[in-house]
Amino acid sequence: MYEQSPTLGPGMGTVTQHSAEILLLLAGAFLLGVLLHWLLSRATVLRLRQLTQELARTKERLTVAERRPQSTARLRESNSTEHERTLKQLRESREAEARTRERLIEIEGRLALAEAANSAANAAPAADVLNAVLPFVASDKPRKK
């Protein structure tokens, strides 16, 4: 380290040449740093714009969502009234079904009574009809010759 004179510098060049070389390297490093900073800051600016736009969209959705609970409450209210109306219709239809079943049972009972009365009325004249139509059929009274 102490073998060379500081005024001469290493190698064959002079101190001015070496200083210029060092300054050129420093200037190149500075320009490379500026270029990288510009590229990175440009990417950061683009990302910042994207985030700003996303924030604006989120704020819009938030304002829409803040307005929505009132309509949601109205919707919930209309759903509950519709639910009550449907339950009322269901109860009425069940009551109507029960009344229809009772009426059907009553009609079937009347029909059975009418059929029984009709069969009883038709059973007695059947023998007379047979005697009138078929006089040769044996009856309870034997014929005398």
C-alpha atoms as a PDB file:
ATOM      1  CA  MET A   1       0.000   0.000   0.000  1.00  0.00           C
ATOM      2  CA  TYR A   2       2.803   2.426   0.813  1.00  0.00           C
ATOM      3  CA  GLU A   3       4.948   1.266  -2.070  1.00  0.00           C
ATOM      4  CA  GLN A   4       3.664   3.858  -4.547  1.00  0.00           C
ATOM      5  CA  SER A   5       3.581   7.573  -4.375  1.00  0.00           C
ATOM      6  CA  PRO A   6       0.066   8.937  -3.889  1.00  0.00           C
ATOM      7  CA  THR A   7       0.660  11.628  -6.480  1.00  0.00           C
ATOM      8  CA  LEU A   8       1.559   9.167  -9.207  1.00  0.00           C
ATOM      9  CA  GLY A   9      -1.319   6.694  -8.773  1.00  0.00           C
ATOM     10  CA  PRO A  10      -1.316   3.052  -9.765  1.00  0.00           C
ATOM     11  CA  GLY A  11      -0.293   1.889 -13.168  1.00  0.00           C
ATOM     12  CA  MET A  12       0.853   4.070 -16.030  1.00  0.00           C
ATOM     13  CA  GLY A  13      -1.806   6.801 -15.764  1.00  0.00           C
ATOM     14  CA  THR A  14      -1.666  10.093 -13.922  1.00  0.00           C
ATOM     15  CA  VAL A  15      -3.748  11.156 -10.951  1.00  0.00           C
ATOM     16  CA  THR A  16      -5.948  13.229 -13.251  1.00  0.00           C
ATOM     17  CA  GLN A  17      -6.707  10.271 -15.454  1.00  0.00           C
ATOM     18  CA  HIS A  18      -7.521   8.088 -12.473  1.00  0.00           C
ATOM     19  CA  SER A  19      -9.672  10.804 -10.933  1.00  0.00           C
ATOM     20  CA  ALA A  20     -11.535  11.217 -14.226  1.00  0.00           C
ATOM     21  CA  GLU A  21     -12.043   7.459 -14.371  1.00  0.00           C
ATOM     22  CA  ILE A  22     -13.415   7.453 -10.836  1.00  0.00           C
ATOM     23  CA  LEU A  23     -15.680  10.406 -11.588  1.00  0.00           C
ATOM     24  CA  LEU A  24     -16.900   8.693 -14.747  1.00  0.00           C
ATOM     25  CA  LEU A  25     -17.707   5.524 -12.767  1.00  0.00           C
ATOM     26  CA  LEU A  26     -19.493   7.590 -10.115  1.00  0.00           C
ATOM     27  CA  ALA A  27     -21.464   9.453 -12.804  1.00  0.00           C
ATOM     28  CA  GLY A  28     -22.428   6.132 -14.424  1.00  0.00           C
ATOM     29  CA  ALA A  29     -23.541   4.753 -11.059  1.00  0.00           C
ATOM     30  CA  PHE A  30     -25.502   7.953 -10.395  1.00  0.00           C
ATOM     31  CA  LEU A  31     -27.243   7.750 -13.782  1.00  0.00           C
ATOM     32  CA  LEU A  32     -28.007   4.059 -13.252  1.00  0.00           C
ATOM     33  CA  GLY A  33     -29.502   4.924  -9.832  1.00  0.00           C
ATOM     34  CA  VAL A  34     -31.613   7.713 -11.345  1.00  0.00           C
ATOM     35  CA  LEU A  35     -32.848   5.372 -14.091  1.00  0.00           C
ATOM     36  CA  LEU A  36     -33.732   2.622 -11.610  1.00  0.00           C
ATOM     37  CA  HIS A  37     -35.435   5.150  -9.322  1.00  0.00           C
ATOM     38  CA  TRP A  38     -37.483   6.473 -12.245  1.00  0.00           C
ATOM     39  CA  LEU A  39     -38.536   2.941 -13.263  1.00  0.00           C
ATOM     40  CA  LEU A  40     -39.419   1.956  -9.718  1.00  0.00           C
ATOM     41  CA  SER A  41     -41.207   5.213  -9.014  1.00  0.00           C
ATOM     42  CA  ARG A  42     -43.126   4.828 -12.286  1.00  0.00           C
ATOM     43  CA  ALA A  43     -44.240   1.348 -11.207  1.00  0.00           C
ATOM     44  CA  THR A  44     -45.117   2.781  -7.813  1.00  0.00           C
ATOM     45  CA  VAL A  45     -47.116   5.597  -9.426  1.00  0.00           C
ATOM     46  CA  LEU A  46     -48.995   3.083 -11.595  1.00  0.00           C
ATOM     47  CA  ARG A  47     -49.707   0.937  -8.543  1.00  0.00           C
ATOM     48  CA  LEU A  48     -50.803   4.043  -6.655  1.00  0.00           C
ATOM     49  CA  ARG A  49     -53.230   4.936  -9.472  1.00  0.00           C
ATOM     50  CA  GLN A  50     -54.646   1.397  -9.449  1.00  0.00           C
ATOM     51  CA  LEU A  51     -55.100   1.493  -5.693  1.00  0.00           C
ATOM     52  CA  THR A  52     -56.728   4.934  -5.934  1.00  0.00           C
ATOM     53  CA  GLN A  53     -59.194   3.657  -8.521  1.00  0.00           C
ATOM     54  CA  GLU A  54     -59.900   0.568  -6.414  1.00  0.00           C
ATOM     55  CA  LEU A  55     -60.460   2.795  -3.388  1.00  0.00           C
ATOM     56  CA  ALA A  56     -62.909   4.942  -5.366  1.00  0.00           C
ATOM     57  CA  ARG A  57     -64.832   1.822  -6.493  1.00  0.00           C
ATOM     58  CA  THR A  58     -64.891   0.541  -2.922  1.00  0.00           C
ATOM     59  CA  LYS A  59     -66.233   3.885  -1.688  1.00  0.00           C
ATOM     60  CA  GLU A  60     -68.961   3.761  -4.342  1.00  0.00           C
ATOM     61  CA  ARG A  61     -69.921   0.235  -3.258  1.00  0.00           C
ATOM     62  CA  LEU A  62     -69.921   1.406   0.349  1.00  0.00           C
ATOM     63  CA  THR A  63     -72.311   4.262  -0.396  1.00  0.00           C
ATOM     64  CA  VAL A  64     -74.566   1.865  -2.298  1.00  0.00           C
ATOM     65  CA  ALA A  65     -74.410  -0.592   0.605  1.00  0.00           C
ATOM     66  CA  GLU A  66     -75.234   2.181   3.072  1.00  0.00           C
ATOM     67  CA  ARG A  67     -78.364   2.991   1.069  1.00  0.00           C
ATOM     68  CA  ARG A  68     -79.278  -0.685   0.780  1.00  0.00           C
ATOM     69  CA  PRO A  69     -80.321  -1.469   4.394  1.00  0.00           C
ATOM     70  CA  GLN A  70     -83.424   0.699   4.006  1.00  0.00           C
ATOM     71  CA  SER A  71     -84.476  -1.170   0.896  1.00  0.00           C
ATOM     72  CA  THR A  72     -83.466  -4.421   2.583  1.00  0.00           C
ATOM     73  CA  ALA A  73     -85.719  -3.565   5.499  1.00  0.00           C
ATOM     74  CA  ARG A  74     -88.541  -2.866   3.071  1.00  0.00           C
ATOM     75  CA  LEU A  75     -87.808  -6.119   1.282  1.00  0.00           C
ATOM     76  CA  ARG A  76     -87.753  -7.991   4.583  1.00  0.00           C
ATOM     77  CA  GLU A  77     -91.067  -6.380   5.518  1.00  0.00           C
ATOM     78  CA  SER A  78     -92.650  -7.295   2.177  1.00  0.00           C
ATOM     79  CA  ASN A  79     -91.307 -10.837   2.537  1.00  0.00           C
ATOM     80  CA  SER A  80     -92.843 -11.153   6.000  1.00  0.00           C
ATOM     81  CA  THR A  81     -96.210  -9.880   4.765  1.00  0.00           C
ATOM     82  CA  GLU A  82     -96.018 -12.244   1.802  1.00  0.00           C
ATOM     83  CA  HIS A  83     -95.137 -15.069   4.209  1.00  0.00           C
ATOM     84  CA  GLU A  84     -98.132 -14.207   6.394  1.00  0.00           C
ATOM     85  CA  ARG A  85    -100.385 -14.070   3.332  1.00  0.00           C
ATOM     86  CA  THR A  86     -99.122 -17.476   2.204  1.00  0.00           C
ATOM     87  CA  LEU A  87     -99.699 -18.941   5.673  1.00  0.00           C
ATOM     88  CA  LYS A  88    -103.226 -17.521   5.686  1.00  0.00           C
ATOM     89  CA  GLN A  89    -103.933 -19.071   2.272  1.00  0.00           C
ATOM     90  CA  LEU A  90    -102.527 -22.389   3.491  1.00  0.00           C
ATOM     91  CA  ARG A  91    -104.758 -22.336   6.585  1.00  0.00           C
ATOM     92  CA  GLU A  92    -107.793 -21.457   4.468  1.00  0.00           C
ATOM     93  CA  SER A  93    -107.053 -24.244   1.982  1.00  0.00           C
ATOM     94  CA  ARG A  94    -106.646 -26.758   4.820  1.00  0.00           C
ATOM     95  CA  GLU A  95    -109.948 -25.644   6.336  1.00  0.00           C
ATOM     96  CA  ALA A  96    -111.615 -25.908   2.933  1.00  0.00           C
ATOM     97  CA  GLU A  97    -110.147 -29.397   2.499  1.00  0.00           C
ATOM     98  CA  ALA A  98    -111.492 -30.455   5.914  1.00  0.00           C
ATOM     99  CA  ARG A  99    -114.964 -29.079   5.045  1.00  0.00           C
ATOM    100  CA  THR A 100    -114.838 -30.882   1.693  1.00  0.00           C
ATOM    101  CA  ARG A 101    -113.913 -34.166   3.383  1.00  0.00           C
ATOM    102  CA  GLU A 102    -116.786 -33.796   5.839  1.00  0.00           C
ATOM    103  CA  ARG A 103    -119.175 -33.039   2.997  1.00  0.00           C
ATOM    104  CA  LEU A 104    -117.829 -36.015   1.021  1.00  0.00           C
ATOM    105  CA  ILE A 105    -118.360 -38.337   4.001  1.00  0.00           C
ATOM    106  CA  GLU A 106    -121.890 -36.978   4.415  1.00  0.00           C
ATOM    107  CA  ILE A 107    -122.689 -37.492   0.722  1.00  0.00           C
ATOM    108  CA  GLU A 108    -121.240 -41.022   0.758  1.00  0.00           C
ATOM    109  CA  GLY A 109    -123.417 -41.808   3.782  1.00  0.00           C
ATOM    110  CA  ARG A 110    -126.527 -40.503   2.034  1.00  0.00           C
ATOM    111  CA  LEU A 111    -125.594 -42.456  -1.099  1.00  0.00           C
ATOM    112  CA  ALA A 112    -125.177 -45.644   0.925  1.00  0.00           C
ATOM    113  CA  LEU A 113    -128.591 -45.099   2.570  1.00  0.00           C
ATOM    114  CA  ALA A 114    -130.190 -44.428  -0.797  1.00  0.00           C
ATOM    115  CA  GLU A 115    -128.624 -47.549  -2.302  1.00  0.00           C
ATOM    116  CA  ALA A 116    -129.751 -49.624   0.667  1.00  0.00           C
ATOM    117  CA  ALA A 117    -133.295 -48.266   0.379  1.00  0.00           C
ATOM    118  CA  ASN A 118    -133.275 -48.805  -3.380  1.00  0.00           C
ATOM    119  CA  SER A 119    -131.996 -52.373  -3.086  1.00  0.00           C
ATOM    120  CA  ALA A 120    -134.595 -53.147  -0.393  1.00  0.00           C
ATOM    121  CA  ALA A 121    -137.350 -51.699  -2.582  1.00  0.00           C
ATOM    122  CA  ASN A 122    -136.130 -53.563  -5.631  1.00  0.00           C
ATOM    123  CA  ALA A 123    -135.639 -56.875  -3.814  1.00  0.00           C
ATOM    124  CA  ALA A 124    -139.336 -57.429  -2.940  1.00  0.00           C
ATOM    125  CA  PRO A 125    -140.884 -56.871  -6.378  1.00  0.00           C
ATOM    126  CA  ALA A 126    -138.283 -59.044  -7.995  1.00  0.00           C
ATOM    127  CA  ALA A 127    -140.266 -62.200  -7.177  1.00  0.00           C
ATOM    128  CA  ASP A 128    -143.489 -60.714  -8.565  1.00  0.00           C
ATOM    129  CA  VAL A 129    -141.719 -59.716 -11.725  1.00  0.00           C
ATOM    130  CA  LEU A 130    -140.360 -63.211 -12.097  1.00  0.00           C
ATOM    131  CA  ASN A 131    -143.840 -64.718 -11.635  1.00  0.00           C
ATOM    132  CA  ALA A 132    -145.305 -62.347 -14.146  1.00  0.00           C
ATOM    133  CA  VAL A 133    -142.642 -62.958 -16.707  1.00  0.00           C
ATOM    134  CA  LEU A 134    -142.064 -66.620 -16.035  1.00  0.00           C
ATOM    135  CA  PRO A 135    -145.282 -68.233 -14.833  1.00  0.00           C
ATOM    136  CA  PHE A 136    -143.837 -71.701 -15.012  1.00  0.00           C
ATOM    137  CA  VAL A 137    -141.177 -70.977 -12.417  1.00  0.00           C
ATOM    138  CA  ALA A 138    -141.866 -72.777  -9.182  1.00  0.00           C
ATOM    139  CA  SER A 139    -143.196 -70.506  -6.523  1.00  0.00           C
ATOM    140  CA  ASP A 140    -144.016 -70.948  -2.884  1.00  0.00           C
ATOM    141  CA  LYS A 141    -147.554 -72.147  -3.698  1.00  0.00           C
ATOM    142  CA  PRO A 142    -147.698 -75.277  -5.691  1.00  0.00           C
ATOM    143  CA  ARG A 143    -150.181 -75.307  -8.560  1.00  0.00           C
ATOM    144  CA  LYS A 144    -153.123 -77.516  -8.517  1.00  0.00           C
ATOM    145  CA  LYS A 145    -154.096 -79.363 -11.622  1.00  0.00           C
END
